[in-house]
Amino acid sequence: MWEIIADPEDYGIEVLEEGINNHNMIEFKEHNRKQWAEEVGTFATKLRGLADRAINMRDLLASQDPILATPASLKTLKVALFKINDALNTAFELADKLESQIVKK
């Protein structure tokens, strides 16, 4: 048996507790679990696609092919890559937190 111990306060969404009896345990029903599993599977597929794109970009940048760009477009590329990196770091931090909050009973 597993238990999800995720606390809304840890995620800055403590308003979720208002109006909800947050002290009684409920069973996470099979049909909901299957739906959520499919959604997590979609995340995994998107991450694989992002990894493929990153590998393609790495290969292009590491290649001997000439690449032309304006200084503004190079700066734009750099900013975009920083945004992607920040988003990934945030996603990994959330995933780590969630992983630690689903515990075997």
Protein backbone atom coordinates (compact mmCIF):
# COMPACT_ATOMS: atom_id res chain seq x y z
CA MET A 1 0.00 0.00 0.00
CA TRP A 2 1.16 3.51 -0.80
CA GLU A 3 0.24 6.88 0.67
CA ILE A 4 0.45 10.31 -0.93
CA ILE A 5 1.55 12.77 1.75
CA ALA A 6 1.84 15.88 -0.46
CA ASP A 7 1.02 18.94 1.63
CA PRO A 8 -0.62 21.84 -0.29
CA GLU A 9 1.48 24.28 1.77
CA ASP A 10 4.66 22.80 0.28
CA TYR A 11 3.41 23.92 -3.13
CA GLY A 12 1.97 27.30 -2.18
CA ILE A 13 -1.60 26.09 -2.81
CA GLU A 14 -2.84 25.83 0.77
CA VAL A 15 -6.14 27.37 -0.35
CA LEU A 16 -7.01 23.82 -1.51
CA GLU A 17 -7.54 22.84 2.12
CA GLU A 18 -10.36 25.34 2.58
CA GLY A 19 -13.67 23.53 2.59
CA ILE A 20 -12.04 20.11 2.31
CA ASN A 21 -11.85 17.69 5.19
CA ASN A 22 -8.11 17.21 4.88
CA HIS A 23 -7.75 14.84 7.84
CA ASN A 24 -9.52 11.70 6.57
CA MET A 25 -7.74 9.38 4.17
CA ILE A 26 -9.57 8.45 0.95
CA GLU A 27 -8.78 5.77 -1.58
CA PHE A 28 -7.38 6.93 -4.91
CA LYS A 29 -9.86 5.08 -7.15
CA GLU A 30 -8.63 2.88 -10.00
CA HIS A 31 -10.31 4.83 -12.82
CA ASN A 32 -8.71 8.08 -11.60
CA ARG A 33 -5.33 6.38 -11.20
CA LYS A 34 -5.47 5.07 -14.77
CA GLN A 35 -6.35 8.53 -16.10
CA TRP A 36 -3.52 10.15 -14.12
CA ALA A 37 -1.12 7.40 -15.23
CA GLU A 38 -1.98 8.21 -18.85
CA GLU A 39 -1.32 11.91 -18.21
CA VAL A 40 2.05 11.13 -16.63
CA GLY A 41 2.78 8.93 -19.65
CA THR A 42 2.06 11.95 -21.83
CA PHE A 43 4.60 13.94 -19.78
CA ALA A 44 7.16 11.20 -20.39
CA THR A 45 6.49 11.25 -24.13
CA LYS A 46 6.88 15.03 -24.24
CA LEU A 47 10.14 14.80 -22.28
CA ARG A 48 11.47 12.21 -24.75
CA GLY A 49 10.55 14.57 -27.58
CA LEU A 50 12.31 17.45 -25.84
CA ALA A 51 15.39 15.25 -25.31
CA ASP A 52 15.41 14.39 -29.03
CA ARG A 53 15.24 18.08 -29.93
CA ALA A 54 18.04 18.91 -27.50
CA ILE A 55 20.23 16.16 -28.97
CA ASN A 56 19.54 17.45 -32.49
CA MET A 57 20.46 21.01 -31.45
CA ARG A 58 23.60 19.78 -29.69
CA ASP A 59 24.63 17.89 -32.82
CA LEU A 60 23.99 20.94 -35.01
CA LEU A 61 25.97 23.26 -32.74
CA ALA A 62 28.83 20.75 -32.46
CA SER A 63 28.93 20.15 -36.21
CA GLN A 64 31.34 21.73 -38.66
CA ASP A 65 28.43 23.23 -40.64
CA PRO A 66 28.60 27.02 -40.83
CA ILE A 67 25.89 28.81 -38.83
CA LEU A 68 25.05 32.47 -39.51
CA ALA A 69 23.24 34.65 -36.98
CA THR A 70 22.82 38.26 -35.96
CA PRO A 71 23.98 39.23 -32.46
CA ALA A 72 20.31 39.70 -31.51
CA SER A 73 19.35 36.22 -32.71
CA LEU A 74 22.27 34.68 -30.79
CA LYS A 75 21.16 36.52 -27.64
CA THR A 76 17.58 35.36 -28.25
CA LEU A 77 18.79 31.75 -28.57
CA LYS A 78 20.74 32.09 -25.33
CA VAL A 79 17.73 33.54 -23.47
CA ALA A 80 15.44 30.80 -24.84
CA LEU A 81 17.87 28.09 -23.73
CA PHE A 82 18.09 29.65 -20.26
CA LYS A 83 14.27 29.67 -20.05
CA ILE A 84 14.12 26.00 -21.05
CA ASN A 85 16.80 25.15 -18.48
CA ASP A 86 14.98 27.06 -15.73
CA ALA A 87 11.70 25.33 -16.58
CA LEU A 88 13.40 21.92 -16.52
CA ASN A 89 15.05 22.67 -13.18
CA THR A 90 11.69 23.67 -11.73
CA ALA A 91 10.06 20.53 -13.15
CA PHE A 92 12.79 18.29 -11.69
CA GLU A 93 12.51 19.97 -8.29
CA LEU A 94 8.74 19.38 -8.29
CA ALA A 95 9.18 15.79 -9.44
CA ASP A 96 11.73 15.15 -6.67
CA LYS A 97 9.37 16.65 -4.10
CA LEU A 98 6.41 14.58 -5.32
CA GLU A 99 8.48 11.41 -5.46
CA SER A 100 9.43 11.87 -1.82
CA GLN A 101 5.77 12.40 -0.90
CA ILE A 102 4.46 9.11 -2.26
CA VAL A 103 5.54 6.62 0.36
CA LYS A 104 5.13 2.90 0.88
CA LYS A 105 3.00 2.09 3.94
